[in-house]
Amino acid sequence: FWVGKSMGIRSSPGRPEAVFDHVFPKGDVDRYKREMTKVVEGIRQKAEKTCRSDYDVALLVHDHLASTITYLDEGTPQQQSMLGPLLHKKGVCEGIAFAYSYILYVCGVNCTTVYGRLKGERDGHAWNIVFLDGRGYHVDVTHDLECTSHPGNHRCFCLTDAELAGDSKIRELYSLWYEQKEDVLRTYTNKMPERIPL
């Protein structure tokens, strides 16, 4: 969470070294780690006491974040990392997705963060895929935050690809995700894996 998205290479004779952009002052990182560990550990202990399955854990974490976070984009690095949602209770989709993924990781549930962008739109979006019983399900806590009139909203919780296929905007995101993935793969190989249809 403390390393930025840019990286460089510094080279002295015979000794290349990766140099990362630090988002937060190095002196604050240990304090942030302790504070986030305390928050995440509290959620993990609650999950351990009350949940009987990975699905229950995924739902508990979803509901915890959806009920405690406010979507707020002030352009700060904290909002785009898990730090904002976990410590300041506000963030953007990327920070919220990172927080969800990290908490599930600590709880022993396999989850990843994915990105997409609607064609014609400037800004991208981040959400999660959680793996339950060998299948991937889409979870978008950010979109469930937006339904404040319905507490406990699960409109974007554990959706299958087929369920997402009914939404034209989601189909566009899915297609663009594949296009971006294939662009990266083309740097390494000409053989593309088969797309999994929605």
C-alpha atoms as a PDB file:
ATOM      1  CA  PHE A   1       0.000   0.000   0.000  1.00  0.00           C
ATOM      2  CA  TRP A   2       2.916   2.380   0.473  1.00  0.00           C
ATOM      3  CA  VAL A   3       4.557   1.843  -2.908  1.00  0.00           C
ATOM      4  CA  GLY A   4       3.305   3.937  -5.809  1.00  0.00           C
ATOM      5  CA  LYS A   5       2.522   2.766  -9.312  1.00  0.00           C
ATOM      6  CA  SER A   6       5.749   4.004 -10.854  1.00  0.00           C
ATOM      7  CA  MET A   7       9.132   2.364 -10.733  1.00  0.00           C
ATOM      8  CA  GLY A   8      12.534   3.092 -12.159  1.00  0.00           C
ATOM      9  CA  ILE A   9      15.894   1.412 -12.504  1.00  0.00           C
ATOM     10  CA  ARG A  10      18.993   2.965 -11.018  1.00  0.00           C
ATOM     11  CA  SER A  11      22.175   1.447 -12.253  1.00  0.00           C
ATOM     12  CA  SER A  12      25.706   1.566 -11.018  1.00  0.00           C
ATOM     13  CA  PRO A  13      28.381  -0.510 -12.761  1.00  0.00           C
ATOM     14  CA  GLY A  14      27.309  -4.156 -12.545  1.00  0.00           C
ATOM     15  CA  ARG A  15      24.556  -3.475 -10.021  1.00  0.00           C
ATOM     16  CA  PRO A  16      21.072  -2.509 -11.295  1.00  0.00           C
ATOM     17  CA  GLU A  17      18.595  -1.574  -8.585  1.00  0.00           C
ATOM     18  CA  ALA A  18      14.814  -1.152  -8.730  1.00  0.00           C
ATOM     19  CA  VAL A  19      13.635   2.163  -7.296  1.00  0.00           C
ATOM     20  CA  PHE A  20      10.008   2.512  -6.252  1.00  0.00           C
ATOM     21  CA  ASP A  21       7.980   5.659  -5.814  1.00  0.00           C
ATOM     22  CA  HIS A  22       6.810   5.791  -2.177  1.00  0.00           C
ATOM     23  CA  VAL A  23       3.323   7.205  -1.704  1.00  0.00           C
ATOM     24  CA  PHE A  24       3.738   7.797   2.027  1.00  0.00           C
ATOM     25  CA  PRO A  25       6.744   8.941   4.024  1.00  0.00           C
ATOM     26  CA  LYS A  26       8.792   5.903   5.041  1.00  0.00           C
ATOM     27  CA  GLY A  27       8.490   6.921   8.707  1.00  0.00           C
ATOM     28  CA  ASP A  28       4.666   6.622   8.565  1.00  0.00           C
ATOM     29  CA  VAL A  29       4.551   3.180   6.951  1.00  0.00           C
ATOM     30  CA  ASP A  30       5.126   1.149  10.147  1.00  0.00           C
ATOM     31  CA  ARG A  31       2.437   3.116  11.999  1.00  0.00           C
ATOM     32  CA  TYR A  32      -0.039   2.628   9.137  1.00  0.00           C
ATOM     33  CA  LYS A  33       0.742  -1.104   9.055  1.00  0.00           C
ATOM     34  CA  ARG A  34       0.036  -1.431  12.798  1.00  0.00           C
ATOM     35  CA  GLU A  35      -3.229   0.508  12.552  1.00  0.00           C
ATOM     36  CA  MET A  36      -4.471  -1.456   9.541  1.00  0.00           C
ATOM     37  CA  THR A  37      -3.467  -4.765  11.114  1.00  0.00           C
ATOM     38  CA  LYS A  38      -5.569  -3.889  14.157  1.00  0.00           C
ATOM     39  CA  VAL A  39      -8.636  -3.096  12.005  1.00  0.00           C
ATOM     40  CA  VAL A  40      -8.241  -6.176   9.799  1.00  0.00           C
ATOM     41  CA  GLU A  41      -7.575  -8.463  12.747  1.00  0.00           C
ATOM     42  CA  GLY A  42     -10.843  -7.307  14.359  1.00  0.00           C
ATOM     43  CA  ILE A  43     -12.745  -8.254  11.193  1.00  0.00           C
ATOM     44  CA  ARG A  44     -10.881 -11.593  10.946  1.00  0.00           C
ATOM     45  CA  GLN A  45     -11.769 -12.474  14.552  1.00  0.00           C
ATOM     46  CA  LYS A  46     -15.431 -11.641  13.944  1.00  0.00           C
ATOM     47  CA  ALA A  47     -15.399 -13.825  10.811  1.00  0.00           C
ATOM     48  CA  GLU A  48     -13.753 -16.663  12.717  1.00  0.00           C
ATOM     49  CA  LYS A  49     -16.477 -16.543  15.396  1.00  0.00           C
ATOM     50  CA  THR A  50     -19.533 -16.072  13.168  1.00  0.00           C
ATOM     51  CA  CYS A  51     -18.834 -17.502   9.708  1.00  0.00           C
ATOM     52  CA  ARG A  52     -19.232 -21.120   8.685  1.00  0.00           C
ATOM     53  CA  SER A  53     -18.050 -20.879   5.066  1.00  0.00           C
ATOM     54  CA  ASP A  54     -15.927 -18.782   2.725  1.00  0.00           C
ATOM     55  CA  TYR A  55     -19.176 -17.368   1.315  1.00  0.00           C
ATOM     56  CA  ASP A  56     -20.138 -16.171   4.810  1.00  0.00           C
ATOM     57  CA  VAL A  57     -16.719 -14.525   5.196  1.00  0.00           C
ATOM     58  CA  ALA A  58     -16.997 -12.813   1.794  1.00  0.00           C
ATOM     59  CA  LEU A  59     -20.466 -11.513   2.730  1.00  0.00           C
ATOM     60  CA  LEU A  60     -19.398 -10.337   6.201  1.00  0.00           C
ATOM     61  CA  VAL A  61     -16.446  -8.384   4.768  1.00  0.00           C
ATOM     62  CA  HIS A  62     -18.619  -6.936   1.978  1.00  0.00           C
ATOM     63  CA  ASP A  63     -21.246  -5.783   4.465  1.00  0.00           C
ATOM     64  CA  HIS A  64     -18.641  -4.400   6.883  1.00  0.00           C
ATOM     65  CA  LEU A  65     -17.030  -2.267   4.179  1.00  0.00           C
ATOM     66  CA  ALA A  66     -20.341  -1.230   2.612  1.00  0.00           C
ATOM     67  CA  SER A  67     -21.639  -0.038   5.975  1.00  0.00           C
ATOM     68  CA  THR A  68     -18.507   1.813   7.121  1.00  0.00           C
ATOM     69  CA  ILE A  69     -17.024   3.433   3.988  1.00  0.00           C
ATOM     70  CA  THR A  70     -18.014   6.563   2.114  1.00  0.00           C
ATOM     71  CA  TYR A  71     -17.050   6.954  -1.526  1.00  0.00           C
ATOM     72  CA  LEU A  72     -14.936  10.089  -1.691  1.00  0.00           C
ATOM     73  CA  ASP A  73     -12.440  11.125  -4.330  1.00  0.00           C
ATOM     74  CA  GLU A  74     -10.264  13.983  -3.125  1.00  0.00           C
ATOM     75  CA  GLY A  75      -7.323  12.809  -5.217  1.00  0.00           C
ATOM     76  CA  THR A  76      -5.240  11.613  -2.276  1.00  0.00           C
ATOM     77  CA  PRO A  77      -3.079   8.475  -2.417  1.00  0.00           C
ATOM     78  CA  GLN A  78      -4.777   7.105   0.712  1.00  0.00           C
ATOM     79  CA  GLN A  79      -8.105   6.805  -1.108  1.00  0.00           C
ATOM     80  CA  GLN A  80      -6.574   4.694  -3.870  1.00  0.00           C
ATOM     81  CA  SER A  81      -4.891   2.320  -1.428  1.00  0.00           C
ATOM     82  CA  MET A  82      -6.498   0.169   1.248  1.00  0.00           C
ATOM     83  CA  LEU A  83      -5.337   2.738   3.801  1.00  0.00           C
ATOM     84  CA  GLY A  84      -8.185   5.170   3.030  1.00  0.00           C
ATOM     85  CA  PRO A  85     -11.079   2.722   3.394  1.00  0.00           C
ATOM     86  CA  LEU A  86      -9.598   0.886   6.392  1.00  0.00           C
ATOM     87  CA  LEU A  87      -8.319   3.820   8.467  1.00  0.00           C
ATOM     88  CA  HIS A  88     -10.190   6.885   7.211  1.00  0.00           C
ATOM     89  CA  LYS A  89     -13.437   5.150   6.186  1.00  0.00           C
ATOM     90  CA  LYS A  90     -13.398   6.771   2.748  1.00  0.00           C
ATOM     91  CA  GLY A  91     -11.944   5.926  -0.612  1.00  0.00           C
ATOM     92  CA  VAL A  92     -12.429   5.261  -4.288  1.00  0.00           C
ATOM     93  CA  CYS A  93     -13.115   1.976  -6.061  1.00  0.00           C
ATOM     94  CA  GLU A  94      -9.460   0.956  -6.218  1.00  0.00           C
ATOM     95  CA  GLY A  95      -8.836   1.446  -2.496  1.00  0.00           C
ATOM     96  CA  ILE A  96     -12.111  -0.246  -1.612  1.00  0.00           C
ATOM     97  CA  ALA A  97     -11.305  -3.237  -3.868  1.00  0.00           C
ATOM     98  CA  PHE A  98      -7.795  -3.503  -2.387  1.00  0.00           C
ATOM     99  CA  ALA A  99      -9.227  -3.419   1.145  1.00  0.00           C
ATOM    100  CA  TYR A 100     -11.773  -6.148   0.322  1.00  0.00           C
ATOM    101  CA  SER A 101      -9.128  -8.346  -1.297  1.00  0.00           C
ATOM    102  CA  TYR A 102      -6.659  -7.883   1.560  1.00  0.00           C
ATOM    103  CA  ILE A 103      -9.159  -8.648   4.316  1.00  0.00           C
ATOM    104  CA  LEU A 104     -10.277 -11.808   2.517  1.00  0.00           C
ATOM    105  CA  TYR A 105      -6.629 -12.825   2.084  1.00  0.00           C
ATOM    106  CA  VAL A 106      -6.070 -12.467   5.833  1.00  0.00           C
ATOM    107  CA  CYS A 107      -9.226 -14.538   6.410  1.00  0.00           C
ATOM    108  CA  GLY A 108      -7.958 -17.273   4.074  1.00  0.00           C
ATOM    109  CA  VAL A 109     -10.352 -16.635   1.178  1.00  0.00           C
ATOM    110  CA  ASN A 110      -8.926 -16.371  -2.343  1.00  0.00           C
ATOM    111  CA  CYS A 111      -9.763 -13.041  -3.972  1.00  0.00           C
ATOM    112  CA  THR A 112      -8.249 -10.726  -6.577  1.00  0.00           C
ATOM    113  CA  THR A 113      -8.745  -7.149  -7.738  1.00  0.00           C
ATOM    114  CA  VAL A 114      -9.640  -6.546 -11.385  1.00  0.00           C
ATOM    115  CA  TYR A 115      -9.817  -3.387 -13.485  1.00  0.00           C
ATOM    116  CA  GLY A 116     -11.832  -2.225 -16.456  1.00  0.00           C
ATOM    117  CA  ARG A 117     -12.969   0.858 -18.291  1.00  0.00           C
ATOM    118  CA  LEU A 118     -16.111   1.477 -20.268  1.00  0.00           C
ATOM    119  CA  LYS A 119     -15.418   2.382 -23.871  1.00  0.00           C
ATOM    120  CA  GLY A 120     -15.524   6.129 -24.327  1.00  0.00           C
ATOM    121  CA  GLU A 121     -15.055   6.794 -20.605  1.00  0.00           C
ATOM    122  CA  ARG A 122     -11.894   8.347 -19.228  1.00  0.00           C
ATOM    123  CA  ASP A 123     -11.906   6.818 -15.771  1.00  0.00           C
ATOM    124  CA  GLY A 124     -11.483   3.143 -15.044  1.00  0.00           C
ATOM    125  CA  HIS A 125     -13.086   1.031 -12.356  1.00  0.00           C
ATOM    126  CA  ALA A 126     -11.822  -1.623  -9.936  1.00  0.00           C
ATOM    127  CA  TRP A 127     -13.779  -4.463  -8.331  1.00  0.00           C
ATOM    128  CA  ASN A 128     -13.073  -7.980  -7.072  1.00  0.00           C
ATOM    129  CA  ILE A 129     -13.418 -11.593  -8.066  1.00  0.00           C
ATOM    130  CA  VAL A 130     -13.726 -13.911  -5.084  1.00  0.00           C
ATOM    131  CA  PHE A 131     -13.189 -17.640  -5.534  1.00  0.00           C
ATOM    132  CA  LEU A 132     -15.704 -19.877  -3.756  1.00  0.00           C
ATOM    133  CA  ASP A 133     -15.977 -23.617  -4.242  1.00  0.00           C
ATOM    134  CA  GLY A 134     -13.689 -23.436  -7.269  1.00  0.00           C
ATOM    135  CA  ARG A 135     -15.665 -20.729  -9.111  1.00  0.00           C
ATOM    136  CA  GLY A 136     -15.048 -17.011  -9.487  1.00  0.00           C
ATOM    137  CA  TYR A 137     -17.756 -14.514  -8.510  1.00  0.00           C
ATOM    138  CA  HIS A 138     -17.758 -10.762  -9.061  1.00  0.00           C
ATOM    139  CA  VAL A 139     -18.055  -8.494  -6.019  1.00  0.00           C
ATOM    140  CA  ASP A 140     -18.272  -4.713  -6.343  1.00  0.00           C
ATOM    141  CA  VAL A 141     -18.473  -3.123  -2.914  1.00  0.00           C
ATOM    142  CA  THR A 142     -18.209   0.357  -4.462  1.00  0.00           C
ATOM    143  CA  HIS A 143     -21.429  -0.055  -6.446  1.00  0.00           C
ATOM    144  CA  ASP A 144     -23.188  -1.413  -3.382  1.00  0.00           C
ATOM    145  CA  LEU A 145     -22.114   1.720  -1.454  1.00  0.00           C
ATOM    146  CA  GLU A 146     -24.101   3.812  -3.899  1.00  0.00           C
ATOM    147  CA  CYS A 147     -27.395   2.216  -2.850  1.00  0.00           C
ATOM    148  CA  THR A 148     -27.597   3.952   0.515  1.00  0.00           C
ATOM    149  CA  SER A 149     -31.390   3.772   0.458  1.00  0.00           C
ATOM    150  CA  HIS A 150     -31.133  -0.018   0.794  1.00  0.00           C
ATOM    151  CA  PRO A 151     -28.879  -0.965   3.713  1.00  0.00           C
ATOM    152  CA  GLY A 152     -27.422  -4.422   3.253  1.00  0.00           C
ATOM    153  CA  ASN A 153     -27.626  -4.054  -0.518  1.00  0.00           C
ATOM    154  CA  HIS A 154     -26.136  -7.040  -2.319  1.00  0.00           C
ATOM    155  CA  ARG A 155     -26.845  -5.979  -5.890  1.00  0.00           C
ATOM    156  CA  CYS A 156     -23.184  -6.499  -6.839  1.00  0.00           C
ATOM    157  CA  PHE A 157     -22.279  -9.361  -4.511  1.00  0.00           C
ATOM    158  CA  CYS A 158     -21.204 -12.786  -5.801  1.00  0.00           C
ATOM    159  CA  LEU A 159     -22.451 -12.337  -9.335  1.00  0.00           C
ATOM    160  CA  THR A 160     -21.628 -14.964 -11.928  1.00  0.00           C
ATOM    161  CA  ASP A 161     -20.386 -14.038 -15.376  1.00  0.00           C
ATOM    162  CA  ALA A 162     -23.814 -15.011 -16.728  1.00  0.00           C
ATOM    163  CA  GLU A 163     -25.549 -12.617 -14.346  1.00  0.00           C
ATOM    164  CA  LEU A 164     -23.221  -9.844 -15.427  1.00  0.00           C
ATOM    165  CA  ALA A 165     -23.866 -10.606 -19.086  1.00  0.00           C
ATOM    166  CA  GLY A 166     -27.364  -9.163 -18.739  1.00  0.00           C
ATOM    167  CA  ASP A 167     -25.872  -5.710 -18.155  1.00  0.00           C
ATOM    168  CA  SER A 168     -24.558  -4.015 -21.317  1.00  0.00           C
ATOM    169  CA  LYS A 169     -22.113  -1.825 -19.380  1.00  0.00           C
ATOM    170  CA  ILE A 170     -20.654  -4.872 -17.672  1.00  0.00           C
ATOM    171  CA  ARG A 171     -20.293  -6.632 -21.041  1.00  0.00           C
ATOM    172  CA  GLU A 172     -18.302  -3.644 -22.295  1.00  0.00           C
ATOM    173  CA  LEU A 173     -16.062  -3.743 -19.197  1.00  0.00           C
ATOM    174  CA  TYR A 174     -15.509  -7.467 -19.608  1.00  0.00           C
ATOM    175  CA  SER A 175     -14.605  -7.088 -23.274  1.00  0.00           C
ATOM    176  CA  LEU A 176     -12.225  -4.218 -22.578  1.00  0.00           C
ATOM    177  CA  TRP A 177     -10.606  -6.196 -19.737  1.00  0.00           C
ATOM    178  CA  TYR A 178      -9.822  -8.969 -22.217  1.00  0.00           C
ATOM    179  CA  GLU A 179      -8.486  -6.449 -24.751  1.00  0.00           C
ATOM    180  CA  GLN A 180      -6.127  -4.965 -22.138  1.00  0.00           C
ATOM    181  CA  LYS A 181      -5.019  -8.394 -20.928  1.00  0.00           C
ATOM    182  CA  GLU A 182      -4.315  -9.495 -24.503  1.00  0.00           C
ATOM    183  CA  ASP A 183      -2.324  -6.304 -25.189  1.00  0.00           C
ATOM    184  CA  VAL A 184      -0.033  -7.190 -22.288  1.00  0.00           C
ATOM    185  CA  LEU A 185       0.268 -10.830 -23.379  1.00  0.00           C
ATOM    186  CA  ARG A 186       1.225  -9.769 -26.927  1.00  0.00           C
ATOM    187  CA  THR A 187       4.493  -8.416 -25.541  1.00  0.00           C
ATOM    188  CA  TYR A 188       5.439 -11.976 -24.624  1.00  0.00           C
ATOM    189  CA  THR A 189       3.657 -14.258 -27.079  1.00  0.00           C
ATOM    190  CA  ASN A 190       1.493 -14.322 -30.204  1.00  0.00           C
ATOM    191  CA  LYS A 191      -0.631 -17.172 -28.846  1.00  0.00           C
ATOM    192  CA  MET A 192      -3.677 -15.824 -27.019  1.00  0.00           C
ATOM    193  CA  PRO A 193      -5.704 -17.905 -24.574  1.00  0.00           C
ATOM    194  CA  GLU A 194      -9.311 -18.458 -25.525  1.00  0.00           C
ATOM    195  CA  ARG A 195     -11.711 -15.901 -24.104  1.00  0.00           C
ATOM    196  CA  ILE A 196     -14.258 -17.249 -21.650  1.00  0.00           C
ATOM    197  CA  PRO A 197     -17.631 -16.029 -22.941  1.00  0.00           C
ATOM    198  CA  LEU A 198     -20.045 -14.202 -20.676  1.00  0.00           C
END
